[in-house]
């Protein structure tokens, strides 16, 4: 299952996993990245629910931004290697 998901998200993973040289990785970085992804997913769901309740589709921009950020964080946090996690945090 993980191999299929890695294949599906390979364009995103290839971007963050590319590179050579030293990088600084800590296990806490991956945990925080997954936590941020979950938080962004909750914010996207809350924006979607409030836009349905109010009836204004002007909230589509925050929904797309939060959902995109959530997908990136969760894919890198769950499927990415240590270099990808370090690269998203900017640790070199």
N, C-alpha and C. Protein backbone atom coordinates (compact mmCIF):
# COMPACT_ATOMS: atom_id res chain seq x y z
N UNK A 1 0.82 -1.19 0.00
CA UNK A 1 0.00 0.00 0.00
C UNK A 1 0.87 1.26 0.00
N UNK A 2 1.92 1.24 0.84
CA UNK A 2 2.80 2.40 0.91
C UNK A 2 3.52 2.62 -0.42
N UNK A 3 3.89 1.53 -1.10
CA UNK A 3 4.57 1.66 -2.39
C UNK A 3 3.66 2.30 -3.43
N UNK A 4 2.39 1.93 -3.41
CA UNK A 4 1.44 2.53 -4.37
C UNK A 4 1.22 4.01 -4.08
N UNK A 5 1.12 4.36 -2.81
CA UNK A 5 0.95 5.76 -2.45
C UNK A 5 2.20 6.57 -2.80
N UNK A 6 3.38 5.99 -2.58
CA UNK A 6 4.62 6.67 -2.98
C UNK A 6 4.65 6.89 -4.49
N UNK A 7 4.15 5.92 -5.24
CA UNK A 7 4.12 6.05 -6.71
C UNK A 7 3.12 7.13 -7.11
N UNK A 8 1.99 7.20 -6.43
CA UNK A 8 0.97 8.20 -6.74
C UNK A 8 1.48 9.62 -6.47
N UNK A 9 2.18 9.80 -5.36
CA UNK A 9 2.68 11.12 -4.99
C UNK A 9 4.14 11.32 -5.37
N UNK A 10 4.64 10.55 -6.32
CA UNK A 10 6.05 10.62 -6.68
C UNK A 10 6.51 12.00 -7.17
N UNK A 11 5.71 12.78 -7.92
CA UNK A 11 6.19 14.12 -8.30
C UNK A 11 6.50 15.00 -7.08
N UNK A 12 5.64 14.96 -6.09
CA UNK A 12 5.85 15.75 -4.88
C UNK A 12 7.03 15.20 -4.08
N UNK A 13 7.09 13.89 -3.92
CA UNK A 13 8.17 13.28 -3.16
C UNK A 13 9.52 13.47 -3.83
N UNK A 14 9.56 13.35 -5.15
CA UNK A 14 10.82 13.53 -5.87
C UNK A 14 11.39 14.93 -5.67
N UNK A 15 10.52 15.92 -5.62
CA UNK A 15 10.98 17.30 -5.42
C UNK A 15 11.65 17.45 -4.06
N UNK A 16 11.03 16.93 -3.02
CA UNK A 16 11.56 17.11 -1.67
C UNK A 16 12.68 16.12 -1.34
N UNK A 17 12.71 14.96 -1.98
CA UNK A 17 13.75 13.98 -1.70
C UNK A 17 15.01 14.19 -2.53
N UNK A 18 14.97 15.07 -3.51
CA UNK A 18 16.13 15.32 -4.37
C UNK A 18 17.19 16.09 -3.60
N UNK A 19 18.41 15.89 -4.01
CA UNK A 19 19.51 16.63 -3.41
C UNK A 19 20.58 15.71 -2.89
N UNK A 20 21.71 16.30 -2.66
CA UNK A 20 22.84 15.55 -2.12
C UNK A 20 23.45 16.37 -1.00
N UNK A 21 24.29 15.74 -0.27
CA UNK A 21 24.97 16.43 0.81
C UNK A 21 24.35 16.11 2.15
N UNK A 22 24.84 16.85 3.13
CA UNK A 22 24.43 16.61 4.49
C UNK A 22 23.09 17.26 4.80
N UNK A 23 22.35 16.65 5.69
CA UNK A 23 21.10 17.23 6.17
C UNK A 23 20.94 16.86 7.63
N UNK A 24 20.19 17.66 8.35
CA UNK A 24 19.99 17.45 9.78
C UNK A 24 18.55 17.00 10.00
N UNK A 25 18.38 15.77 10.47
CA UNK A 25 17.04 15.21 10.67
C UNK A 25 16.89 14.79 12.13
N UNK A 26 15.72 15.13 12.69
CA UNK A 26 15.35 14.64 14.01
C UNK A 26 13.97 14.01 13.91
N UNK A 27 13.73 12.96 14.66
CA UNK A 27 12.46 12.26 14.61
C UNK A 27 11.29 13.17 15.00
N UNK A 28 11.56 14.13 15.87
CA UNK A 28 10.53 15.08 16.28
C UNK A 28 10.01 15.89 15.10
N UNK A 29 10.88 16.19 14.12
CA UNK A 29 10.47 16.96 12.95
C UNK A 29 9.35 16.26 12.20
N UNK A 30 9.44 14.95 12.04
CA UNK A 30 8.40 14.19 11.34
C UNK A 30 7.09 14.22 12.12
N UNK A 31 7.17 14.08 13.43
CA UNK A 31 5.96 14.10 14.26
C UNK A 31 5.26 15.45 14.20
N UNK A 32 6.04 16.51 14.27
CA UNK A 32 5.46 17.86 14.20
C UNK A 32 4.87 18.11 12.81
N UNK A 33 5.52 17.61 11.78
CA UNK A 33 5.01 17.79 10.42
C UNK A 33 3.66 17.10 10.23
N UNK A 34 3.52 15.90 10.76
CA UNK A 34 2.24 15.20 10.69
C UNK A 34 1.19 15.95 11.52
N UNK A 35 1.59 16.47 12.68
CA UNK A 35 0.66 17.25 13.50
C UNK A 35 0.18 18.50 12.80
N UNK A 36 1.08 19.19 12.13
CA UNK A 36 0.70 20.39 11.37
C UNK A 36 -0.24 20.01 10.22
N UNK A 37 0.03 18.88 9.58
CA UNK A 37 -0.84 18.41 8.50
C UNK A 37 -2.26 18.13 8.99
N UNK A 38 -2.36 17.52 10.16
CA UNK A 38 -3.69 17.24 10.75
C UNK A 38 -4.38 18.54 11.12
N UNK A 39 -3.63 19.49 11.70
CA UNK A 39 -4.20 20.79 12.05
C UNK A 39 -4.73 21.52 10.82
N UNK A 40 -3.97 21.50 9.73
CA UNK A 40 -4.43 22.15 8.50
C UNK A 40 -5.65 21.45 7.92
N UNK A 41 -5.71 20.14 8.07
CA UNK A 41 -6.89 19.40 7.61
C UNK A 41 -8.13 19.77 8.42
N UNK A 42 -7.97 19.95 9.71
CA UNK A 42 -9.08 20.39 10.56
C UNK A 42 -9.52 21.80 10.18
N UNK A 43 -8.56 22.68 9.90
CA UNK A 43 -8.91 24.04 9.47
C UNK A 43 -9.65 24.04 8.14
N UNK A 44 -9.23 23.18 7.20
CA UNK A 44 -9.92 23.09 5.92
C UNK A 44 -11.34 22.58 6.11
N UNK A 45 -11.52 21.58 6.96
CA UNK A 45 -12.85 21.05 7.22
C UNK A 45 -13.73 22.08 7.91
N UNK A 46 -13.15 22.84 8.85
CA UNK A 46 -13.91 23.89 9.52
C UNK A 46 -14.31 25.01 8.56
N UNK A 47 -13.42 25.37 7.67
CA UNK A 47 -13.75 26.40 6.67
C UNK A 47 -14.85 25.90 5.74
N UNK A 48 -14.77 24.64 5.36
CA UNK A 48 -15.80 24.07 4.48
C UNK A 48 -17.15 24.03 5.18
N UNK A 49 -17.15 23.60 6.44
CA UNK A 49 -18.41 23.53 7.19
C UNK A 49 -19.01 24.92 7.40
N UNK A 50 -18.19 25.88 7.73
CA UNK A 50 -18.71 27.24 7.94
C UNK A 50 -19.21 27.85 6.65
N UNK A 51 -18.55 27.54 5.53
CA UNK A 51 -19.02 28.09 4.26
C UNK A 51 -20.36 27.47 3.87
N UNK A 52 -20.56 26.21 4.20
CA UNK A 52 -21.87 25.59 3.93
C UNK A 52 -22.95 26.17 4.83
N UNK A 53 -22.60 26.41 6.09
CA UNK A 53 -23.56 26.95 7.05
C UNK A 53 -23.97 28.37 6.69
N UNK A 54 -23.00 29.19 6.30
CA UNK A 54 -23.27 30.58 5.97
C UNK A 54 -23.84 30.71 4.56
N UNK A 55 -23.40 29.83 3.68
CA UNK A 55 -23.90 29.86 2.32
C UNK A 55 -23.08 30.71 1.37
N UNK A 56 -21.92 31.11 1.80
CA UNK A 56 -21.05 31.94 0.97
C UNK A 56 -19.88 31.09 0.49
N UNK A 57 -19.68 31.05 -0.81
CA UNK A 57 -18.59 30.25 -1.34
C UNK A 57 -17.29 31.06 -1.45
N UNK A 58 -17.22 32.18 -0.76
CA UNK A 58 -15.99 32.97 -0.74
C UNK A 58 -14.90 32.31 0.08
N UNK A 59 -15.27 31.29 0.82
CA UNK A 59 -14.30 30.58 1.65
C UNK A 59 -13.56 29.50 0.86
N UNK A 60 -13.75 29.46 -0.44
CA UNK A 60 -13.10 28.42 -1.24
C UNK A 60 -11.58 28.59 -1.25
N UNK A 61 -11.11 29.84 -1.19
CA UNK A 61 -9.66 30.07 -1.20
C UNK A 61 -9.00 29.53 0.07
N UNK A 62 -9.50 29.83 1.27
CA UNK A 62 -8.89 29.22 2.46
C UNK A 62 -9.00 27.70 2.47
N UNK A 63 -10.09 27.17 1.97
CA UNK A 63 -10.26 25.72 1.92
C UNK A 63 -9.18 25.10 1.05
N UNK A 64 -8.96 25.65 -0.12
CA UNK A 64 -7.95 25.11 -1.04
C UNK A 64 -6.55 25.25 -0.45
N UNK A 65 -6.26 26.40 0.16
CA UNK A 65 -4.93 26.62 0.72
C UNK A 65 -4.67 25.67 1.90
N UNK A 66 -5.61 25.57 2.83
CA UNK A 66 -5.44 24.68 3.97
C UNK A 66 -5.36 23.22 3.54
N UNK A 67 -6.20 22.83 2.59
CA UNK A 67 -6.20 21.44 2.13
C UNK A 67 -4.91 21.11 1.39
N UNK A 68 -4.41 22.02 0.57
CA UNK A 68 -3.14 21.80 -0.13
C UNK A 68 -1.98 21.66 0.85
N UNK A 69 -1.92 22.56 1.82
CA UNK A 69 -0.88 22.48 2.83
C UNK A 69 -0.96 21.19 3.64
N UNK A 70 -2.17 20.78 3.94
CA UNK A 70 -2.37 19.53 4.67
C UNK A 70 -1.88 18.33 3.89
N UNK A 71 -2.21 18.29 2.61
CA UNK A 71 -1.78 17.17 1.77
C UNK A 71 -0.26 17.11 1.69
N UNK A 72 0.38 18.25 1.48
CA UNK A 72 1.84 18.28 1.39
C UNK A 72 2.47 17.81 2.71
N UNK A 73 2.00 18.35 3.82
CA UNK A 73 2.57 17.97 5.12
C UNK A 73 2.36 16.50 5.43
N UNK A 74 1.17 15.99 5.18
CA UNK A 74 0.90 14.59 5.49
C UNK A 74 1.64 13.64 4.57
N UNK A 75 1.74 13.97 3.28
CA UNK A 75 2.46 13.10 2.35
C UNK A 75 3.94 13.05 2.70
N UNK A 76 4.54 14.21 2.95
CA UNK A 76 5.96 14.24 3.30
C UNK A 76 6.18 13.59 4.67
N UNK A 77 5.31 13.85 5.62
CA UNK A 77 5.46 13.29 6.96
C UNK A 77 5.28 11.79 7.03
N UNK A 78 4.36 11.25 6.25
CA UNK A 78 4.06 9.83 6.32
C UNK A 78 4.87 9.03 5.30
N UNK A 79 4.97 9.53 4.08
CA UNK A 79 5.60 8.75 3.01
C UNK A 79 7.02 9.16 2.68
N UNK A 80 7.41 10.37 3.03
CA UNK A 80 8.72 10.88 2.64
C UNK A 80 9.86 10.29 3.45
N UNK A 81 11.06 10.35 2.87
CA UNK A 81 12.23 9.87 3.60
C UNK A 81 12.75 10.98 4.51
N UNK A 82 13.84 10.69 5.23
CA UNK A 82 14.38 11.64 6.19
C UNK A 82 14.85 12.93 5.52
N UNK A 83 15.41 12.83 4.30
CA UNK A 83 15.88 14.01 3.58
C UNK A 83 14.70 14.93 3.24
N UNK A 84 13.56 14.37 2.85
CA UNK A 84 12.40 15.18 2.51
C UNK A 84 11.88 15.94 3.73
N UNK A 85 11.85 15.27 4.87
CA UNK A 85 11.40 15.93 6.09
C UNK A 85 12.37 17.05 6.48
N UNK A 86 13.65 16.78 6.38
CA UNK A 86 14.65 17.81 6.70
C UNK A 86 14.57 18.98 5.72
N UNK A 87 14.30 18.67 4.45
CA UNK A 87 14.23 19.74 3.44
C UNK A 87 13.01 20.63 3.65
N UNK A 88 11.89 20.06 4.04
CA UNK A 88 10.70 20.88 4.24
C UNK A 88 10.88 21.79 5.46
N UNK A 89 11.69 21.37 6.43
CA UNK A 89 11.97 22.20 7.59
C UNK A 89 13.13 23.15 7.33
N UNK A 90 13.86 22.94 6.26
CA UNK A 90 14.98 23.82 5.95
C UNK A 90 16.24 23.47 6.71
N UNK A 91 16.34 22.27 7.25
CA UNK A 91 17.52 21.85 7.99
C UNK A 91 18.57 21.29 7.04
N UNK A 92 19.70 21.93 7.00
CA UNK A 92 20.78 21.47 6.12
C UNK A 92 21.99 21.12 6.93
